[in-house]
């Protein structure tokens, strides 16, 4: 179980900062997902930063759309998107309203509600694989588009919240290119993870999609 002294919810001011400050500071924090079947909690071990309209790798690079509208809203809200026609991914909006920056939650260690996560992640051989990757994390926590816009700073009634947890010492934080990002944003070292943690997902470089010949 998570230490009771570490269960103070993070305030909105925590997220109302530049995304490159928020992202590494999320490592070691406790993400809480309240489901109809009970709570699931995980310790965040890997994240990626996306800097909105200034970042070619961001969904908001070309401006506001119906899909990314939450990113332009207040900090501390969830941005959930559907990708490859199969998977959801969970982000937390950062910075002042209108900046459209956010942190993709890539991996974590499930510490509470493992049995609930296992029911959703039947292919996971070990508990360290339950949330090892952004799609797996969202699946384990029963995250879908209905949570897009959920306020993670609104209190215990919210389906999502982030607790203080145990922040990681800077010496334990590693950084490198974001997974699967191509183009001008490929080399940004905006992926952050806890060194040596077994729940961190493997890095994969961007692979351009090949068009079918007609």
N, C-alpha and C. Protein backbone atom coordinates (compact mmCIF):
# COMPACT_ATOMS: atom_id res chain seq x y z
N UNK A 1 0.84 -1.21 0.00
CA UNK A 1 0.00 0.00 0.00
C UNK A 1 0.87 1.25 0.00
N UNK A 2 0.30 2.36 -0.50
CA UNK A 2 1.02 3.62 -0.54
C UNK A 2 1.04 4.23 0.87
N UNK A 3 2.15 4.83 1.24
CA UNK A 3 2.27 5.46 2.55
C UNK A 3 1.23 6.57 2.70
N UNK A 4 0.55 6.61 3.86
CA UNK A 4 -0.50 7.61 4.08
C UNK A 4 0.07 9.02 4.03
N UNK A 5 1.31 9.21 4.44
CA UNK A 5 1.91 10.55 4.45
C UNK A 5 2.15 11.08 3.05
N UNK A 6 2.08 10.19 2.03
CA UNK A 6 2.33 10.60 0.66
C UNK A 6 1.05 10.81 -0.13
N UNK A 7 -0.09 10.87 0.55
CA UNK A 7 -1.36 10.85 -0.16
C UNK A 7 -1.99 12.22 -0.31
N UNK A 8 -1.22 13.26 -0.19
CA UNK A 8 -1.73 14.61 -0.43
C UNK A 8 -1.93 14.82 -1.93
N UNK A 9 -3.12 15.23 -2.37
CA UNK A 9 -3.35 15.45 -3.81
C UNK A 9 -2.49 16.60 -4.33
N UNK A 10 -2.00 16.46 -5.53
CA UNK A 10 -1.25 17.55 -6.16
C UNK A 10 -2.22 18.65 -6.54
N UNK A 11 -1.89 19.92 -6.23
CA UNK A 11 -2.78 21.03 -6.57
C UNK A 11 -2.66 21.41 -8.04
N UNK A 12 -3.59 22.21 -8.51
CA UNK A 12 -3.56 22.64 -9.91
C UNK A 12 -2.29 23.43 -10.23
N UNK A 13 -1.76 24.13 -9.24
CA UNK A 13 -0.54 24.90 -9.46
C UNK A 13 0.63 24.00 -9.86
N UNK A 14 0.62 22.75 -9.45
CA UNK A 14 1.67 21.82 -9.85
C UNK A 14 1.72 21.68 -11.37
N UNK A 15 0.54 21.61 -12.00
CA UNK A 15 0.46 21.43 -13.45
C UNK A 15 0.56 22.74 -14.21
N UNK A 16 0.36 23.86 -13.52
CA UNK A 16 0.38 25.17 -14.17
C UNK A 16 1.82 25.69 -14.26
N UNK A 17 2.67 24.87 -14.89
CA UNK A 17 4.08 25.19 -15.08
C UNK A 17 4.51 24.72 -16.47
N UNK A 18 5.68 25.12 -16.94
CA UNK A 18 6.16 24.61 -18.23
C UNK A 18 6.21 23.08 -18.23
N UNK A 19 5.84 22.50 -19.36
CA UNK A 19 5.71 21.05 -19.44
C UNK A 19 7.01 20.32 -19.14
N UNK A 20 8.17 20.94 -19.48
CA UNK A 20 9.44 20.29 -19.22
C UNK A 20 9.84 20.33 -17.75
N UNK A 21 9.12 21.10 -16.96
CA UNK A 21 9.28 21.05 -15.50
C UNK A 21 8.34 20.01 -14.90
N UNK A 22 7.12 19.98 -15.40
CA UNK A 22 6.12 19.06 -14.84
C UNK A 22 6.46 17.61 -15.13
N UNK A 23 6.88 17.30 -16.38
CA UNK A 23 7.06 15.91 -16.78
C UNK A 23 7.99 15.13 -15.86
N UNK A 24 9.25 15.53 -15.65
CA UNK A 24 10.11 14.74 -14.76
C UNK A 24 9.64 14.76 -13.32
N UNK A 25 8.92 15.81 -12.93
CA UNK A 25 8.44 15.92 -11.56
C UNK A 25 7.26 14.98 -11.29
N UNK A 26 6.68 14.41 -12.33
CA UNK A 26 5.61 13.43 -12.15
C UNK A 26 6.13 12.04 -11.79
N UNK A 27 7.40 11.78 -12.04
CA UNK A 27 7.95 10.47 -11.75
C UNK A 27 7.93 10.19 -10.24
N UNK A 28 7.40 9.05 -9.88
CA UNK A 28 7.27 8.69 -8.47
C UNK A 28 5.95 9.10 -7.86
N UNK A 29 5.17 9.90 -8.57
CA UNK A 29 3.86 10.31 -8.05
C UNK A 29 2.86 9.16 -8.19
N UNK A 30 1.76 9.26 -7.47
CA UNK A 30 0.75 8.21 -7.46
C UNK A 30 -0.47 8.63 -8.27
N UNK A 31 -0.75 7.90 -9.33
CA UNK A 31 -1.95 8.14 -10.14
C UNK A 31 -3.06 7.25 -9.62
N UNK A 32 -4.21 7.84 -9.34
CA UNK A 32 -5.36 7.10 -8.81
C UNK A 32 -6.49 7.11 -9.82
N UNK A 33 -6.97 5.94 -10.15
CA UNK A 33 -8.13 5.78 -11.04
C UNK A 33 -9.25 5.11 -10.26
N UNK A 34 -10.35 5.85 -10.06
CA UNK A 34 -11.51 5.30 -9.38
C UNK A 34 -12.44 4.66 -10.41
N UNK A 35 -12.60 3.35 -10.33
CA UNK A 35 -13.48 2.64 -11.25
C UNK A 35 -14.74 2.18 -10.51
N UNK A 36 -15.70 1.68 -11.25
CA UNK A 36 -16.93 1.16 -10.62
C UNK A 36 -16.62 -0.04 -9.74
N UNK A 37 -15.51 -0.73 -10.04
CA UNK A 37 -15.15 -1.93 -9.27
C UNK A 37 -14.20 -1.64 -8.13
N UNK A 38 -13.72 -0.40 -8.02
CA UNK A 38 -12.79 -0.05 -6.97
C UNK A 38 -11.61 0.75 -7.50
N UNK A 39 -10.72 1.19 -6.63
CA UNK A 39 -9.58 2.02 -7.06
C UNK A 39 -8.42 1.20 -7.61
N UNK A 40 -7.73 1.81 -8.56
CA UNK A 40 -6.46 1.28 -9.05
C UNK A 40 -5.45 2.41 -8.90
N UNK A 41 -4.30 2.10 -8.31
CA UNK A 41 -3.28 3.12 -8.10
C UNK A 41 -1.95 2.63 -8.66
N UNK A 42 -1.24 3.54 -9.29
CA UNK A 42 0.09 3.17 -9.78
C UNK A 42 1.10 4.29 -9.54
N UNK A 43 2.32 3.89 -9.41
CA UNK A 43 3.45 4.80 -9.27
C UNK A 43 3.99 5.08 -10.66
N UNK A 44 4.00 6.35 -11.06
CA UNK A 44 4.44 6.72 -12.40
C UNK A 44 5.95 6.54 -12.54
N UNK A 45 6.36 5.84 -13.60
CA UNK A 45 7.79 5.55 -13.80
C UNK A 45 8.32 6.05 -15.14
N UNK A 46 7.42 6.44 -16.05
CA UNK A 46 7.87 6.90 -17.37
C UNK A 46 6.84 7.85 -17.97
N UNK A 47 7.31 8.98 -18.50
CA UNK A 47 6.42 9.98 -19.09
C UNK A 47 7.11 10.61 -20.31
N UNK A 48 6.32 11.33 -21.11
CA UNK A 48 6.86 12.10 -22.23
C UNK A 48 6.20 13.47 -22.25
N UNK A 49 6.97 14.50 -22.56
CA UNK A 49 6.47 15.87 -22.63
C UNK A 49 6.17 16.26 -24.07
N UNK A 50 5.07 17.00 -24.24
CA UNK A 50 4.66 17.52 -25.55
C UNK A 50 4.29 18.99 -25.39
N UNK A 51 4.94 19.85 -26.20
CA UNK A 51 4.86 21.30 -25.99
C UNK A 51 3.93 22.01 -26.95
N UNK A 52 2.80 21.41 -27.26
CA UNK A 52 1.76 22.09 -28.01
C UNK A 52 2.16 22.60 -29.37
N UNK A 53 1.77 23.82 -29.67
CA UNK A 53 1.97 24.40 -31.00
C UNK A 53 3.44 24.70 -31.32
N UNK A 54 4.31 24.60 -30.31
CA UNK A 54 5.75 24.78 -30.55
C UNK A 54 6.46 23.46 -30.79
N UNK A 55 5.71 22.36 -30.80
CA UNK A 55 6.30 21.02 -30.84
C UNK A 55 5.75 20.22 -32.02
N UNK A 56 6.58 19.93 -33.02
CA UNK A 56 6.09 19.16 -34.18
C UNK A 56 5.56 17.77 -33.82
N UNK A 57 5.94 17.25 -32.67
CA UNK A 57 5.46 15.94 -32.26
C UNK A 57 4.13 15.95 -31.55
N UNK A 58 3.59 17.13 -31.28
CA UNK A 58 2.37 17.26 -30.49
C UNK A 58 1.13 17.22 -31.37
N UNK A 59 0.04 16.70 -30.81
CA UNK A 59 -1.26 16.71 -31.51
C UNK A 59 -1.76 18.13 -31.72
N UNK A 60 -1.26 19.07 -30.93
CA UNK A 60 -1.71 20.46 -31.02
C UNK A 60 -0.82 21.33 -31.91
N UNK A 61 0.12 20.73 -32.59
CA UNK A 61 1.10 21.50 -33.38
C UNK A 61 0.43 22.38 -34.43
N UNK A 62 -0.63 21.89 -35.04
CA UNK A 62 -1.31 22.63 -36.10
C UNK A 62 -2.55 23.37 -35.60
N UNK A 63 -2.67 23.50 -34.29
CA UNK A 63 -3.77 24.27 -33.73
C UNK A 63 -4.87 23.42 -33.13
N UNK A 64 -5.90 24.12 -32.71
CA UNK A 64 -6.99 23.48 -31.98
C UNK A 64 -7.94 22.73 -32.93
N UNK A 65 -8.35 21.53 -32.49
CA UNK A 65 -9.33 20.73 -33.19
C UNK A 65 -10.30 20.15 -32.16
N UNK A 66 -11.34 19.49 -32.66
CA UNK A 66 -12.28 18.85 -31.74
C UNK A 66 -11.59 17.78 -30.92
N UNK A 67 -10.61 17.10 -31.53
CA UNK A 67 -9.92 16.02 -30.85
C UNK A 67 -9.05 16.51 -29.72
N UNK A 68 -8.30 17.62 -29.93
CA UNK A 68 -7.31 18.05 -28.93
C UNK A 68 -7.76 19.23 -28.10
N UNK A 69 -9.03 19.60 -28.14
CA UNK A 69 -9.51 20.81 -27.48
C UNK A 69 -9.16 20.88 -26.00
N UNK A 70 -9.18 19.73 -25.33
CA UNK A 70 -8.88 19.72 -23.89
C UNK A 70 -7.47 20.24 -23.62
N UNK A 71 -6.53 20.01 -24.54
CA UNK A 71 -5.16 20.45 -24.33
C UNK A 71 -5.06 21.97 -24.21
N UNK A 72 -6.00 22.69 -24.79
CA UNK A 72 -5.99 24.15 -24.74
C UNK A 72 -6.70 24.69 -23.51
N UNK A 73 -7.24 23.80 -22.69
CA UNK A 73 -7.97 24.23 -21.51
C UNK A 73 -7.09 24.38 -20.28
N UNK A 74 -7.70 24.42 -19.12
CA UNK A 74 -6.94 24.62 -17.88
C UNK A 74 -6.03 23.44 -17.57
N UNK A 75 -4.95 23.68 -16.84
CA UNK A 75 -4.04 22.60 -16.46
C UNK A 75 -4.69 21.65 -15.46
N UNK A 76 -4.13 20.42 -15.40
CA UNK A 76 -4.62 19.45 -14.44
C UNK A 76 -5.77 18.60 -14.94
N UNK A 77 -6.13 18.74 -16.20
CA UNK A 77 -7.19 17.92 -16.79
C UNK A 77 -6.59 16.79 -17.63
N UNK A 78 -7.37 15.75 -17.84
CA UNK A 78 -6.92 14.61 -18.64
C UNK A 78 -7.23 14.85 -20.11
N UNK A 79 -6.25 14.54 -20.95
CA UNK A 79 -6.46 14.50 -22.39
C UNK A 79 -6.30 13.04 -22.82
N UNK A 80 -7.37 12.44 -23.32
CA UNK A 80 -7.36 11.04 -23.73
C UNK A 80 -7.61 10.96 -25.22
N UNK A 81 -6.74 10.26 -25.92
CA UNK A 81 -6.94 10.08 -27.36
C UNK A 81 -6.92 8.60 -27.73
N UNK A 82 -7.53 8.32 -28.88
CA UNK A 82 -7.64 6.97 -29.41
C UNK A 82 -6.68 6.85 -30.60
N UNK A 83 -5.87 5.79 -30.63
CA UNK A 83 -4.84 5.70 -31.65
C UNK A 83 -4.83 4.33 -32.31
N UNK A 84 -4.46 4.30 -33.58
CA UNK A 84 -4.37 3.07 -34.37
C UNK A 84 -5.67 2.26 -34.38
N UNK A 85 -6.77 2.92 -34.08
CA UNK A 85 -8.06 2.24 -34.09
C UNK A 85 -8.22 1.18 -33.02
N UNK A 86 -7.31 1.19 -32.03
CA UNK A 86 -7.33 0.12 -31.02
C UNK A 86 -7.11 0.59 -29.59
N UNK A 87 -6.24 1.60 -29.39
CA UNK A 87 -5.74 1.90 -28.05
C UNK A 87 -6.05 3.33 -27.62
N UNK A 88 -6.22 3.49 -26.32
CA UNK A 88 -6.32 4.82 -25.73
C UNK A 88 -5.01 5.17 -25.04
N UNK A 89 -4.73 6.46 -24.95
CA UNK A 89 -3.55 6.95 -24.23
C UNK A 89 -3.97 8.11 -23.35
N UNK A 90 -3.35 8.20 -22.16
CA UNK A 90 -3.73 9.18 -21.15
C UNK A 90 -2.64 10.23 -20.98
N UNK A 91 -3.04 11.50 -21.03
CA UNK A 91 -2.14 12.63 -20.85
C UNK A 91 -2.69 13.56 -19.77
N UNK A 92 -1.82 14.36 -19.18
CA UNK A 92 -2.23 15.39 -18.23
C UNK A 92 -1.83 16.74 -18.79
N UNK A 93 -2.80 17.65 -18.89
CA UNK A 93 -2.58 18.97 -19.47
C UNK A 93 -1.76 19.83 -18.51
N UNK A 94 -0.81 20.58 -19.08
CA UNK A 94 0.10 21.41 -18.27
C UNK A 94 0.12 22.84 -18.80
N UNK A 95 0.71 23.72 -17.99
CA UNK A 95 0.93 25.09 -18.41
C UNK A 95 -0.33 25.93 -18.37
N UNK A 96 -0.20 27.23 -18.61
CA UNK A 96 -1.36 28.12 -18.58
C UNK A 96 -2.39 27.75 -19.64
N UNK A 97 -3.63 28.07 -19.37
CA UNK A 97 -4.69 27.79 -20.33
C UNK A 97 -4.37 28.44 -21.67
N UNK A 98 -4.52 27.65 -22.74
CA UNK A 98 -4.23 28.15 -24.08
C UNK A 98 -2.90 27.72 -24.64
N UNK A 99 -2.03 27.11 -23.81
CA UNK A 99 -0.71 26.72 -24.28
C UNK A 99 -0.70 25.32 -24.90
N UNK A 100 -1.67 24.49 -24.59
CA UNK A 100 -1.86 23.16 -25.19
C UNK A 100 -0.71 22.19 -24.97
N UNK A 101 0.01 22.32 -23.88
CA UNK A 101 1.08 21.35 -23.59
C UNK A 101 0.54 20.26 -22.67
N UNK A 102 1.20 19.09 -22.71
CA UNK A 102 0.74 18.00 -21.88
C UNK A 102 1.79 16.93 -21.71
N UNK A 103 1.56 16.04 -20.76
CA UNK A 103 2.47 14.94 -20.45
C UNK A 103 1.77 13.62 -20.72
N UNK A 104 2.34 12.82 -21.61
CA UNK A 104 1.84 11.47 -21.86
C UNK A 104 2.33 10.54 -20.75
N UNK A 105 1.41 9.83 -20.12
CA UNK A 105 1.78 8.88 -19.07
C UNK A 105 2.10 7.55 -19.74
N UNK A 106 3.39 7.19 -19.76
CA UNK A 106 3.85 6.05 -20.54
C UNK A 106 3.89 4.73 -19.76
N UNK A 107 4.19 4.78 -18.48
CA UNK A 107 4.32 3.52 -17.74
C UNK A 107 4.24 3.77 -16.24
N UNK A 108 3.94 2.69 -15.52
CA UNK A 108 3.88 2.79 -14.07
C UNK A 108 3.80 1.42 -13.41
N UNK A 109 3.98 1.42 -12.12
CA UNK A 109 3.91 0.21 -11.31
C UNK A 109 2.57 0.19 -10.58
N UNK A 110 1.71 -0.77 -10.89
CA UNK A 110 0.42 -0.88 -10.22
C UNK A 110 0.65 -1.37 -8.80
N UNK A 111 0.21 -0.58 -7.83
CA UNK A 111 0.45 -0.92 -6.42
C UNK A 111 -0.83 -1.24 -5.66
N UNK A 112 -1.94 -0.73 -6.14
CA UNK A 112 -3.24 -0.99 -5.53
C UNK A 112 -4.19 -1.38 -6.66
N UNK A 113 -5.00 -2.42 -6.43
CA UNK A 113 -5.96 -2.86 -7.44
C UNK A 113 -5.35 -3.72 -8.52
N UNK A 114 -4.29 -4.45 -8.18
CA UNK A 114 -3.65 -5.32 -9.18
C UNK A 114 -4.63 -6.31 -9.78
N UNK A 115 -5.53 -6.83 -8.96
CA UNK A 115 -6.48 -7.82 -9.47
C UNK A 115 -7.42 -7.22 -10.51
N UNK A 116 -7.77 -5.94 -10.34
CA UNK A 116 -8.61 -5.26 -11.32
C UNK A 116 -7.84 -5.02 -12.61
N UNK A 117 -6.59 -4.61 -12.47
CA UNK A 117 -5.76 -4.38 -13.65
C UNK A 117 -5.51 -5.67 -14.42
N UNK A 118 -5.30 -6.78 -13.69
CA UNK A 118 -5.05 -8.06 -14.35
C UNK A 118 -6.24 -8.50 -15.21
N UNK A 119 -7.46 -8.19 -14.76
CA UNK A 119 -8.65 -8.57 -15.53
C UNK A 119 -8.70 -7.85 -16.88
N UNK A 120 -8.10 -6.67 -16.93
CA UNK A 120 -8.10 -5.90 -18.18
C UNK A 120 -6.85 -6.15 -19.01
N UNK A 121 -5.83 -6.71 -18.37
CA UNK A 121 -4.56 -6.95 -19.06
C UNK A 121 -4.23 -8.45 -19.00
N UNK A 122 -5.10 -9.24 -19.61
CA UNK A 122 -4.97 -10.70 -19.53
C UNK A 122 -3.69 -11.20 -20.18
N UNK A 123 -3.13 -10.43 -21.11
CA UNK A 123 -1.91 -10.88 -21.79
C UNK A 123 -0.64 -10.61 -20.99
N UNK A 124 -0.74 -9.87 -19.89
CA UNK A 124 0.43 -9.55 -19.07
C UNK A 124 0.88 -10.81 -18.31
N UNK A 125 2.12 -11.21 -18.52
CA UNK A 125 2.64 -12.40 -17.84
C UNK A 125 3.02 -12.10 -16.39
N UNK A 126 3.48 -10.86 -16.14
CA UNK A 126 3.93 -10.47 -14.80
C UNK A 126 3.30 -9.11 -14.47
N UNK A 127 3.20 -8.82 -13.18
CA UNK A 127 2.62 -7.55 -12.76
C UNK A 127 3.42 -6.36 -13.27
N UNK A 128 4.73 -6.51 -13.47
CA UNK A 128 5.53 -5.40 -13.97
C UNK A 128 5.15 -5.01 -15.39
N UNK A 129 4.39 -5.87 -16.09
CA UNK A 129 3.97 -5.60 -17.45
C UNK A 129 2.56 -5.00 -17.53
N UNK A 130 1.87 -4.87 -16.41
CA UNK A 130 0.49 -4.41 -16.43
C UNK A 130 0.34 -3.04 -17.07
N UNK A 131 1.25 -2.13 -16.77
CA UNK A 131 1.16 -0.76 -17.29
C UNK A 131 2.48 -0.34 -17.94
N UNK A 132 3.10 -1.26 -18.65
CA UNK A 132 4.41 -1.03 -19.27
C UNK A 132 4.23 -0.55 -20.71
N UNK A 133 3.93 0.74 -20.85
CA UNK A 133 3.62 1.33 -22.14
C UNK A 133 2.32 2.11 -22.03
N UNK A 134 2.15 3.17 -22.82
CA UNK A 134 0.97 4.04 -22.65
C UNK A 134 -0.36 3.37 -22.91
N UNK A 135 -0.45 2.50 -23.94
CA UNK A 135 -1.71 1.81 -24.22
C UNK A 135 -2.02 0.80 -23.12
N UNK A 136 -0.99 0.12 -22.63
CA UNK A 136 -1.18 -0.84 -21.55
C UNK A 136 -1.62 -0.13 -20.27
N UNK A 137 -1.01 1.02 -20.00
CA UNK A 137 -1.38 1.79 -18.82
C UNK A 137 -2.85 2.17 -18.88
N UNK A 138 -3.29 2.69 -20.02
CA UNK A 138 -4.69 3.11 -20.16
C UNK A 138 -5.63 1.92 -20.06
N UNK A 139 -5.24 0.79 -20.64
CA UNK A 139 -6.08 -0.42 -20.56
C UNK A 139 -6.19 -0.91 -19.13
N UNK A 140 -5.07 -0.98 -18.43
CA UNK A 140 -5.07 -1.46 -17.05
C UNK A 140 -5.93 -0.60 -16.15
N UNK A 141 -5.98 0.71 -16.44
CA UNK A 141 -6.73 1.64 -15.61
C UNK A 141 -8.14 1.91 -16.13
N UNK A 142 -8.57 1.17 -17.16
CA UNK A 142 -9.90 1.34 -17.73
C UNK A 142 -10.13 2.79 -18.17
N UNK A 143 -9.18 3.29 -18.94
CA UNK A 143 -9.24 4.66 -19.45
C UNK A 143 -9.72 4.65 -20.90
N UNK A 144 -10.72 5.46 -21.20
CA UNK A 144 -11.17 5.63 -22.58
C UNK A 144 -11.58 7.09 -22.77
N UNK A 145 -12.18 7.39 -23.92
CA UNK A 145 -12.49 8.78 -24.25
C UNK A 145 -13.52 9.41 -23.32
N UNK A 146 -14.24 8.61 -22.56
CA UNK A 146 -15.19 9.19 -21.62
C UNK A 146 -14.48 9.99 -20.54
N UNK A 147 -13.17 9.74 -20.35
CA UNK A 147 -12.40 10.47 -19.35
C UNK A 147 -11.70 11.69 -19.94
N UNK A 148 -11.86 11.94 -21.23
CA UNK A 148 -11.26 13.12 -21.84
C UNK A 148 -11.86 14.37 -21.19
N UNK A 149 -11.01 15.20 -20.62
CA UNK A 149 -11.46 16.40 -19.93
C UNK A 149 -11.67 16.23 -18.44
N UNK A 150 -11.51 15.01 -17.91
CA UNK A 150 -11.68 14.80 -16.47
C UNK A 150 -10.69 15.65 -15.69
N UNK A 151 -11.17 16.26 -14.62
CA UNK A 151 -10.34 17.16 -13.81
C UNK A 151 -9.64 16.37 -12.71
N UNK A 152 -8.32 16.20 -12.85
CA UNK A 152 -7.54 15.43 -11.88
C UNK A 152 -7.27 16.22 -10.61
N UNK A 153 -7.73 17.45 -10.54
CA UNK A 153 -7.50 18.28 -9.36
C UNK A 153 -8.79 18.66 -8.63
N UNK A 154 -9.88 17.97 -8.95
CA UNK A 154 -11.19 18.36 -8.40
C UNK A 154 -11.56 17.63 -7.12
N UNK A 155 -10.67 16.75 -6.63
CA UNK A 155 -10.96 16.09 -5.37
C UNK A 155 -11.29 14.63 -5.52
N UNK A 156 -11.63 13.96 -4.41
CA UNK A 156 -11.81 12.50 -4.39
C UNK A 156 -12.97 12.01 -5.26
N UNK A 157 -13.91 12.88 -5.63
CA UNK A 157 -15.03 12.45 -6.46
C UNK A 157 -14.63 12.27 -7.92
N UNK A 158 -13.46 12.77 -8.29
CA UNK A 158 -13.01 12.67 -9.68
C UNK A 158 -12.58 11.24 -9.99
N UNK A 159 -12.80 10.77 -11.23
CA UNK A 159 -12.34 9.44 -11.61
C UNK A 159 -10.83 9.33 -11.72
N UNK A 160 -10.15 10.46 -11.77
CA UNK A 160 -8.68 10.50 -11.85
C UNK A 160 -8.14 11.52 -10.88
N UNK A 161 -7.02 11.20 -10.24
CA UNK A 161 -6.32 12.17 -9.41
C UNK A 161 -4.86 11.77 -9.31
N UNK A 162 -4.03 12.71 -8.89
CA UNK A 162 -2.59 12.45 -8.73
C UNK A 162 -2.19 12.87 -7.33
N UNK A 163 -1.61 11.93 -6.60
CA UNK A 163 -1.17 12.19 -5.23
C UNK A 163 0.32 12.47 -5.20
N UNK A 164 0.76 13.08 -4.10
CA UNK A 164 2.16 13.48 -3.95
C UNK A 164 3.11 12.31 -4.15
N UNK A 165 2.76 11.15 -3.59
CA UNK A 165 3.63 9.99 -3.73
C UNK A 165 5.02 10.23 -3.17
N UNK A 166 6.03 9.64 -3.81
CA UNK A 166 7.42 9.83 -3.41
C UNK A 166 8.21 10.31 -4.61
N UNK A 167 8.43 11.62 -4.73
CA UNK A 167 9.16 12.15 -5.88
C UNK A 167 10.53 11.49 -6.03
N UNK A 168 10.95 11.35 -7.27
CA UNK A 168 12.22 10.69 -7.57
C UNK A 168 13.37 11.70 -7.48
N UNK A 169 14.48 11.26 -6.90
CA UNK A 169 15.66 12.12 -6.85
C UNK A 169 16.17 12.36 -8.27
N UNK A 170 16.61 13.58 -8.58
CA UNK A 170 17.08 13.87 -9.94
C UNK A 170 18.15 12.92 -10.45
N UNK A 171 18.96 12.36 -9.57
CA UNK A 171 20.00 11.42 -10.00
C UNK A 171 19.42 10.13 -10.58
N UNK A 172 18.15 9.84 -10.27
CA UNK A 172 17.51 8.62 -10.75
C UNK A 172 16.77 8.83 -12.07
N UNK A 173 16.66 10.07 -12.51
CA UNK A 173 15.88 10.39 -13.72
C UNK A 173 16.78 10.32 -14.95
N UNK A 174 16.32 9.61 -15.96
CA UNK A 174 17.00 9.55 -17.24
C UNK A 174 16.12 10.21 -18.29
N UNK A 175 16.74 10.69 -19.36
CA UNK A 175 15.99 11.36 -20.42
C UNK A 175 16.54 10.98 -21.78
N UNK A 176 15.67 10.97 -22.77
CA UNK A 176 16.08 10.61 -24.13
C UNK A 176 14.98 10.94 -25.11
N UNK A 177 15.16 10.59 -26.39
CA UNK A 177 14.14 10.88 -27.41
C UNK A 177 12.82 10.19 -27.09
N UNK A 178 11.75 10.82 -27.54
CA UNK A 178 10.42 10.24 -27.33
C UNK A 178 10.21 9.04 -28.25
N UNK A 179 9.44 8.10 -27.76
CA UNK A 179 9.21 6.86 -28.50
C UNK A 179 8.28 7.09 -29.70
N UNK A 180 8.72 6.63 -30.87
CA UNK A 180 7.87 6.64 -32.05
C UNK A 180 7.61 8.00 -32.66
N UNK A 181 8.32 9.04 -32.24
CA UNK A 181 8.11 10.38 -32.78
C UNK A 181 9.09 10.60 -33.93
N UNK A 182 8.58 11.02 -35.09
CA UNK A 182 9.42 11.28 -36.24
C UNK A 182 9.47 12.75 -36.59
N UNK A 183 10.05 13.07 -37.74
CA UNK A 183 10.11 14.45 -38.20
C UNK A 183 10.99 15.33 -37.35
N UNK A 184 10.62 16.62 -37.30
CA UNK A 184 11.44 17.60 -36.58
C UNK A 184 11.43 17.40 -35.07
N UNK A 185 10.48 16.65 -34.55
CA UNK A 185 10.44 16.42 -33.11
C UNK A 185 11.10 15.13 -32.67
N UNK A 186 11.73 14.41 -33.59
CA UNK A 186 12.25 13.08 -33.29
C UNK A 186 13.37 13.09 -32.26
N UNK A 187 14.20 14.12 -32.28
CA UNK A 187 15.38 14.11 -31.41
C UNK A 187 15.18 14.85 -30.09
N UNK A 188 14.01 15.42 -29.87
CA UNK A 188 13.78 16.11 -28.60
C UNK A 188 13.95 15.11 -27.44
N UNK A 189 14.82 15.38 -26.48
CA UNK A 189 15.01 14.44 -25.35
C UNK A 189 13.97 14.65 -24.27
N UNK A 190 12.71 14.47 -24.63
CA UNK A 190 11.60 14.81 -23.75
C UNK A 190 10.88 13.59 -23.19
N UNK A 191 11.53 12.44 -23.25
CA UNK A 191 11.03 11.25 -22.56
C UNK A 191 11.83 11.13 -21.26
N UNK A 192 11.12 10.93 -20.15
CA UNK A 192 11.75 10.85 -18.83
C UNK A 192 11.34 9.54 -18.17
N UNK A 193 12.30 8.87 -17.53
CA UNK A 193 11.99 7.62 -16.86
C UNK A 193 12.90 7.41 -15.65
N UNK A 194 12.46 6.49 -14.78
CA UNK A 194 13.24 6.15 -13.58
C UNK A 194 14.27 5.10 -13.97
N UNK A 195 15.51 5.40 -13.75
CA UNK A 195 16.60 4.51 -14.15
C UNK A 195 16.46 3.14 -13.50
N UNK A 196 16.52 2.10 -14.34
CA UNK A 196 16.51 0.74 -13.84
C UNK A 196 15.17 0.18 -13.41
N UNK A 197 14.10 0.96 -13.54
CA UNK A 197 12.79 0.45 -13.10
C UNK A 197 12.25 -0.57 -14.12
N UNK A 198 11.82 -1.74 -13.66
CA UNK A 198 11.40 -2.80 -14.58
C UNK A 198 10.08 -2.54 -15.30
N UNK A 199 9.34 -1.52 -14.87
CA UNK A 199 8.07 -1.23 -15.54
C UNK A 199 8.22 -0.27 -16.70
N UNK A 200 9.40 0.31 -16.89
CA UNK A 200 9.63 1.27 -17.99
C UNK A 200 9.60 0.53 -19.32
N UNK A 201 8.95 1.14 -20.31
CA UNK A 201 8.80 0.49 -21.62
C UNK A 201 10.07 0.65 -22.45
N UNK A 202 10.31 -0.25 -23.40
CA UNK A 202 11.51 -0.15 -24.24
C UNK A 202 11.37 0.99 -25.25
N UNK A 203 12.49 1.62 -25.56
CA UNK A 203 12.48 2.70 -26.56
C UNK A 203 12.36 2.13 -27.96
N UNK A 204 11.52 2.76 -28.77
CA UNK A 204 11.40 2.39 -30.17
C UNK A 204 11.42 3.66 -31.01
N UNK A 205 12.33 3.71 -31.97
CA UNK A 205 12.41 4.86 -32.87
C UNK A 205 11.22 4.85 -33.81
N UNK A 206 10.95 6.00 -34.40
CA UNK A 206 9.85 6.14 -35.35
C UNK A 206 10.12 5.33 -36.61
N UNK A 207 9.11 4.60 -37.05
CA UNK A 207 9.21 3.85 -38.29
C UNK A 207 8.18 4.41 -39.27
N UNK A 208 8.63 5.05 -40.35
CA UNK A 208 7.67 5.63 -41.31
C UNK A 208 6.76 4.56 -41.89
N UNK A 209 5.51 4.91 -42.07
CA UNK A 209 4.57 3.98 -42.66
C UNK A 209 4.79 3.92 -44.17
N UNK A 210 4.78 2.72 -44.70
CA UNK A 210 4.94 2.55 -46.13
C UNK A 210 3.58 2.56 -46.82
N UNK A 211 3.49 3.32 -47.88
CA UNK A 211 2.26 3.35 -48.63
C UNK A 211 2.18 2.13 -49.55
N UNK A 212 0.98 1.59 -49.61
CA UNK A 212 0.79 0.43 -50.47
C UNK A 212 0.84 0.85 -51.94
N UNK A 213 1.49 0.03 -52.72
CA UNK A 213 1.54 0.30 -54.15
C UNK A 213 0.22 -0.08 -54.82
N UNK A 214 -0.17 0.73 -55.76
CA UNK A 214 -1.42 0.48 -56.46
C UNK A 214 -1.12 0.04 -57.87
